[in-house]
Protein backbone atom coordinates (compact mmCIF):
# COMPACT_ATOMS: atom_id res chain seq x y z
CA MET A 1 -2.94 -7.03 7.88
CA ILE A 2 -4.84 -5.62 4.89
CA GLY A 3 -3.96 -2.42 3.05
CA ILE A 4 -6.47 -0.39 1.03
CA ALA A 5 -5.04 2.25 -1.30
CA GLY A 6 -6.31 4.52 -4.06
CA SER A 7 -6.96 8.13 -4.99
CA VAL A 8 -8.77 10.81 -3.06
CA ALA A 9 -12.55 10.48 -3.69
CA VAL A 10 -12.34 6.92 -5.08
CA GLY A 11 -14.16 5.26 -2.17
CA LYS A 12 -11.31 3.88 -0.03
CA SER A 13 -13.03 4.72 3.25
CA THR A 14 -16.33 3.15 2.17
CA THR A 15 -14.52 0.04 0.94
CA ALA A 16 -12.61 -0.22 4.21
CA ARG A 17 -15.75 0.13 6.36
CA LEU A 18 -17.62 -2.46 4.30
CA LEU A 19 -14.72 -4.89 4.46
CA LYS A 20 -14.49 -4.44 8.24
CA ALA A 21 -18.22 -5.13 8.64
CA LEU A 22 -18.03 -8.25 6.45
CA LEU A 23 -14.97 -9.65 8.20
CA GLU A 24 -16.57 -9.15 11.62
CA ARG A 25 -19.48 -11.35 10.46
CA TRP A 26 -17.25 -14.36 9.91
CA PRO A 27 -18.29 -17.35 12.05
CA GLU A 28 -15.19 -16.97 14.23
CA HIS A 29 -16.12 -13.32 14.94
CA PRO A 30 -12.60 -11.98 14.54
CA LYS A 31 -11.59 -8.72 16.14
CA VAL A 32 -11.12 -6.26 13.27
CA GLU A 33 -9.68 -2.76 13.58
CA LEU A 34 -9.57 -0.02 10.95
CA ILE A 35 -6.94 2.71 10.84
CA THR A 36 -6.54 5.47 8.28
CA THR A 37 -3.12 6.89 7.49
CA ASP A 38 -4.60 10.42 7.75
CA GLY A 39 -3.81 10.26 11.46
CA PHE A 40 -0.13 10.07 10.62
CA LEU A 41 -0.04 13.28 8.61
CA HIS A 42 2.23 15.89 10.15
CA PRO A 43 0.21 18.54 12.05
CA ASN A 44 -0.63 21.70 10.11
CA GLU A 45 1.89 23.64 12.17
CA VAL A 46 4.67 21.40 10.88
CA LEU A 47 3.34 21.41 7.31
CA ASN A 48 3.19 25.20 7.32
CA LYS A 49 6.77 25.48 8.57
CA ARG A 50 7.91 23.12 5.82
CA ASN A 51 5.78 24.85 3.17
CA LEU A 52 3.86 21.59 2.57
CA MET A 53 0.23 22.61 3.11
CA LYS A 54 -0.37 22.41 -0.64
CA LYS A 55 1.22 18.95 -0.64
CA LYS A 56 -0.98 17.44 2.05
CA GLY A 57 -1.34 13.76 1.13
CA PHE A 58 1.98 13.64 -0.72
CA PRO A 59 4.57 11.24 0.76
CA GLU A 60 6.56 14.04 2.41
CA SER A 61 3.50 15.22 4.39
CA TYR A 62 3.39 12.05 6.51
CA ASP A 63 5.26 11.04 9.63
CA ILE A 64 6.28 7.76 7.99
CA ARG A 65 8.49 6.68 10.87
CA ARG A 66 5.62 6.92 13.36
CA LEU A 67 3.27 5.13 10.97
CA VAL A 68 5.71 2.28 10.41
CA GLU A 69 6.32 1.98 14.16
CA PHE A 70 2.56 1.74 14.74
CA VAL A 71 2.08 -0.98 12.11
CA SER A 72 5.14 -2.85 13.33
CA ASP A 73 3.94 -2.78 16.95
CA VAL A 74 0.49 -4.12 15.98
CA LYS A 75 2.03 -6.80 13.77
CA SER A 76 4.34 -7.94 16.57
CA GLY A 77 1.39 -8.38 18.97
CA LYS A 78 2.05 -5.48 21.33
CA PRO A 79 -0.85 -5.43 23.84
CA ARG A 80 -1.89 -1.82 23.24
CA VAL A 81 -0.82 0.56 20.49
CA GLU A 82 -1.98 4.16 20.08
CA ALA A 83 -2.68 5.89 16.79
CA PRO A 84 -3.20 9.65 16.36
CA VAL A 85 -6.59 10.85 15.15
CA TYR A 86 -7.18 13.25 12.24
CA SER A 87 -10.23 15.49 11.97
CA HIS A 88 -11.54 16.34 8.51
CA LEU A 89 -13.61 19.09 10.15
CA VAL A 90 -10.62 21.07 11.43
CA TYR A 91 -8.30 19.62 8.77
CA ASP A 92 -5.65 18.76 11.34
CA ILE A 93 -4.40 16.22 13.86
CA THR A 94 -6.39 16.30 17.11
CA ASP A 95 -5.45 15.60 20.74
CA GLU A 96 -7.35 12.30 20.60
CA VAL A 97 -5.77 8.88 20.19
CA LYS A 98 -7.22 5.60 19.01
CA GLU A 99 -6.19 2.53 21.01
CA VAL A 100 -5.65 -0.71 19.14
CA GLU A 101 -5.47 -3.84 21.29
CA GLN A 102 -4.22 -6.95 19.49
CA PRO A 103 -6.74 -7.22 16.64
CA ASP A 104 -6.99 -10.41 14.62
CA ILE A 105 -7.18 -8.28 11.49
CA LEU A 106 -5.97 -4.73 10.98
CA ILE A 107 -7.17 -2.79 7.93
CA VAL A 108 -4.93 0.15 7.03
CA GLU A 109 -6.54 2.59 4.60
CA GLY A 110 -4.84 5.52 2.92
CA LEU A 111 -3.29 7.13 -0.12
CA ASN A 112 0.17 5.86 0.70
CA VAL A 113 -0.20 2.29 1.94
CA LEU A 114 1.33 0.65 -1.14
CA GLN A 115 4.35 2.93 -1.41
CA SER A 116 7.59 1.04 -0.96
CA GLY A 117 11.35 1.28 -1.21
CA MET A 118 10.92 1.15 -5.00
CA ASP A 119 9.70 4.74 -4.78
CA TYR A 120 12.79 5.86 -2.88
CA PRO A 121 15.83 4.38 -4.69
CA HIS A 122 18.12 6.79 -2.84
CA ASP A 123 17.13 5.14 0.48
CA PRO A 124 17.03 1.38 -0.18
CA HIS A 125 17.04 0.40 3.50
CA ARG A 126 13.97 2.38 4.52
CA VAL A 127 10.99 0.39 5.84
CA PHE A 128 7.43 1.06 4.59
CA ILE A 129 3.89 0.02 5.53
CA SER A 130 3.74 -2.21 2.46
CA ASP A 131 6.46 -4.38 4.01
CA PHE A 132 3.97 -5.50 6.69
CA LEU A 133 0.87 -6.16 4.57
CA ASP A 134 -0.49 -9.67 4.03
CA PHE A 135 -3.11 -8.55 1.50
CA SER A 136 -3.66 -5.30 -0.36
CA ILE A 137 -6.44 -3.72 -2.41
CA TYR A 138 -6.19 -0.80 -4.82
CA VAL A 139 -9.53 0.92 -5.39
CA ASP A 140 -9.39 2.22 -8.96
CA ALA A 141 -11.33 4.50 -11.32
CA GLU A 142 -10.68 6.62 -14.40
CA GLY A 143 -9.02 9.97 -13.76
CA GLU A 144 -11.87 12.07 -15.18
CA LEU A 145 -14.38 10.19 -13.06
CA LEU A 146 -12.26 10.80 -9.97
CA LYS A 147 -12.15 14.53 -10.71
CA THR A 148 -15.93 14.60 -11.17
CA TRP A 149 -16.50 12.66 -7.95
CA TYR A 150 -14.12 14.96 -6.07
CA ILE A 151 -15.94 18.09 -7.26
CA GLU A 152 -19.36 16.61 -6.40
CA ARG A 153 -18.11 15.57 -2.96
CA PHE A 154 -16.70 19.07 -2.41
CA MET A 155 -20.07 20.60 -3.33
CA ALA A 156 -21.91 18.19 -1.01
CA PHE A 157 -19.57 19.14 1.86
CA ARG A 158 -20.14 22.82 1.00
CA ARG A 159 -23.86 22.25 1.60
CA GLY A 160 -23.16 20.17 4.72
CA ALA A 161 -20.02 19.93 6.85
CA PHE A 162 -18.52 23.20 5.55
CA GLN A 163 -21.51 25.07 7.00
CA ASN A 164 -20.11 24.41 10.48
CA PRO A 165 -18.27 27.59 11.56
CA SER A 166 -15.57 25.35 13.10
CA SER A 167 -14.82 23.82 9.71
CA TYR A 168 -11.44 24.67 8.22
CA PHE A 169 -13.26 25.04 4.89
CA HIS A 170 -16.13 27.21 6.15
CA HIS A 171 -14.98 30.13 3.95
CA TYR A 172 -15.88 28.13 0.83
CA THR A 173 -19.56 28.54 1.73
CA LEU A 174 -19.21 32.24 0.89
CA LEU A 175 -18.43 31.44 -2.75
CA SER A 176 -21.05 31.23 -5.46
CA GLU A 177 -21.82 27.74 -6.75
CA GLN A 178 -19.75 28.26 -9.90
CA GLU A 179 -16.86 29.75 -7.93
CA ALA A 180 -16.96 26.74 -5.60
CA ARG A 181 -16.92 24.30 -8.52
CA ASN A 182 -13.99 26.15 -10.07
CA THR A 183 -12.16 26.10 -6.74
CA ALA A 184 -12.71 22.36 -6.34
CA ALA A 185 -11.49 21.73 -9.88
CA GLY A 186 -8.40 23.84 -9.17
CA ILE A 187 -7.64 21.92 -5.97
CA TRP A 188 -7.94 18.66 -7.89
CA GLU A 189 -5.59 19.79 -10.66
CA GLU A 190 -3.05 21.40 -8.34
CA ILE A 191 -2.96 18.84 -5.53
CA ASN A 192 -5.01 15.64 -5.68
CA GLY A 193 -4.71 14.90 -9.39
CA LYS A 194 -1.00 15.61 -9.32
CA ASN A 195 -0.50 13.36 -6.27
CA LEU A 196 -2.49 10.61 -8.02
CA VAL A 197 -0.28 10.65 -11.12
CA GLU A 198 3.03 11.10 -9.33
CA ASN A 199 2.69 8.96 -6.21
CA ILE A 200 -0.52 6.88 -5.98
CA LEU A 201 -1.19 5.44 -9.42
CA PRO A 202 2.36 4.01 -9.74
CA THR A 203 1.61 1.77 -6.72
CA ARG A 204 -1.49 0.15 -8.30
CA GLU A 205 0.32 -2.92 -9.66
CA ARG A 206 1.52 -3.82 -6.16
CA ALA A 207 -1.98 -4.64 -4.93
CA GLY A 208 -2.78 -8.29 -4.42
């Protein structure tokens, strides 16, 4: 079981896909599955009720119990385990599920995969994903670079995926280019940058 952690916009998903492709090319042809922790975010309905929409990606926005149960079931060799699926288009959990059937290697990618009991001293008996990992990778970059990459990615999505009327972020296409850049910078400062400093970066030294 391999965990891949790091900030928003740092390249976790690309790293995870490349690692999966490389591992599948081993001579033994192992069965490799890739799961992102996005699927274990609480649905928007729940986040709205708890006033957590602006903390999406923070530890409290995840259904940690369900995520840990999933990882535990895969680790124990359960024949078939289901994971919820998250859509970046609609920015919410979907009705789909991903079936995982006894992989030789499971890659778990997400903001929170290296968080542990050290981050919750008031609850020392809680179990975390990090307790199940055999190897872990933290994809790192300087904070200013991450902000720049996030803004550029936002602008690329504005020209692409956001154009879809079904996109949760379709309204951003109505902004001018400068307004969109300012909005992206604001989202980084208010949400993603804050989450990086408070919850993600402190887990970096646990990778290995």
